[in-house]
């Protein structure tokens, strides 16, 4: 996760491994990609 944060200049929620606590899903690769895209879009908004 640290590599993803550094590569895309985003901050992944600290509780990303608890799906009930956040909407950032790390259960599979496609979900991570979707979450990263959303964080990038939120940062640029």
C-alpha atoms as a PDB file:
ATOM      1  CA  UNK A   1       0.000   0.000   0.000  1.00  0.00           C
ATOM      2  CA  UNK A   2       2.852   2.370   0.740  1.00  0.00           C
ATOM      3  CA  UNK A   3       4.129   1.927  -2.809  1.00  0.00           C
ATOM      4  CA  UNK A   4       0.706   2.738  -4.226  1.00  0.00           C
ATOM      5  CA  UNK A   5       0.470   5.845  -2.059  1.00  0.00           C
ATOM      6  CA  UNK A   6       3.884   7.063  -3.178  1.00  0.00           C
ATOM      7  CA  UNK A   7       3.406   6.230  -6.858  1.00  0.00           C
ATOM      8  CA  UNK A   8       0.077   8.035  -7.148  1.00  0.00           C
ATOM      9  CA  UNK A   9       0.519  10.698  -4.437  1.00  0.00           C
ATOM     10  CA  UNK A  10      -2.596   9.564  -2.577  1.00  0.00           C
ATOM     11  CA  UNK A  11      -3.397   8.468   0.954  1.00  0.00           C
ATOM     12  CA  UNK A  12      -5.099   5.094   1.327  1.00  0.00           C
ATOM     13  CA  UNK A  13      -7.380   5.020   4.379  1.00  0.00           C
ATOM     14  CA  UNK A  14      -5.616   3.443   7.341  1.00  0.00           C
ATOM     15  CA  UNK A  15      -8.532   1.054   7.856  1.00  0.00           C
ATOM     16  CA  UNK A  16      -8.688  -0.146   4.226  1.00  0.00           C
ATOM     17  CA  UNK A  17      -8.345  -3.754   5.387  1.00  0.00           C
ATOM     18  CA  UNK A  18     -11.687  -3.479   7.243  1.00  0.00           C
ATOM     19  CA  UNK A  19     -14.409  -3.297   4.566  1.00  0.00           C
ATOM     20  CA  UNK A  20     -17.070  -2.275   7.095  1.00  0.00           C
ATOM     21  CA  UNK A  21     -15.096   0.818   8.131  1.00  0.00           C
ATOM     22  CA  UNK A  22     -14.296   2.303   4.717  1.00  0.00           C
ATOM     23  CA  UNK A  23     -15.405   2.249   1.097  1.00  0.00           C
ATOM     24  CA  UNK A  24     -11.841   1.494  -0.068  1.00  0.00           C
ATOM     25  CA  UNK A  25     -11.929  -2.208  -0.948  1.00  0.00           C
ATOM     26  CA  UNK A  26      -8.695  -4.232  -1.076  1.00  0.00           C
ATOM     27  CA  UNK A  27     -10.322  -7.640  -1.574  1.00  0.00           C
ATOM     28  CA  UNK A  28      -9.072  -7.999  -5.163  1.00  0.00           C
ATOM     29  CA  UNK A  29      -6.940  -6.236  -7.763  1.00  0.00           C
ATOM     30  CA  UNK A  30      -9.859  -4.692  -9.663  1.00  0.00           C
ATOM     31  CA  UNK A  31     -11.259  -3.213  -6.445  1.00  0.00           C
ATOM     32  CA  UNK A  32      -7.874  -1.686  -5.582  1.00  0.00           C
ATOM     33  CA  UNK A  33      -7.617  -0.124  -9.059  1.00  0.00           C
ATOM     34  CA  UNK A  34     -11.110   1.330  -8.696  1.00  0.00           C
ATOM     35  CA  UNK A  35     -10.274   2.682  -5.246  1.00  0.00           C
ATOM     36  CA  UNK A  36      -7.025   4.266  -6.441  1.00  0.00           C
ATOM     37  CA  UNK A  37      -8.819   5.911  -9.375  1.00  0.00           C
ATOM     38  CA  UNK A  38     -11.396   7.350  -6.963  1.00  0.00           C
ATOM     39  CA  UNK A  39      -8.720   8.697  -4.610  1.00  0.00           C
ATOM     40  CA  UNK A  40      -6.914  10.335  -7.548  1.00  0.00           C
ATOM     41  CA  UNK A  41     -10.156  11.900  -8.777  1.00  0.00           C
ATOM     42  CA  UNK A  42     -10.965  13.150  -5.270  1.00  0.00           C
ATOM     43  CA  UNK A  43      -7.494  14.663  -4.951  1.00  0.00           C
ATOM     44  CA  UNK A  44      -7.843  16.484  -8.274  1.00  0.00           C
ATOM     45  CA  UNK A  45     -11.328  17.832  -7.485  1.00  0.00           C
END
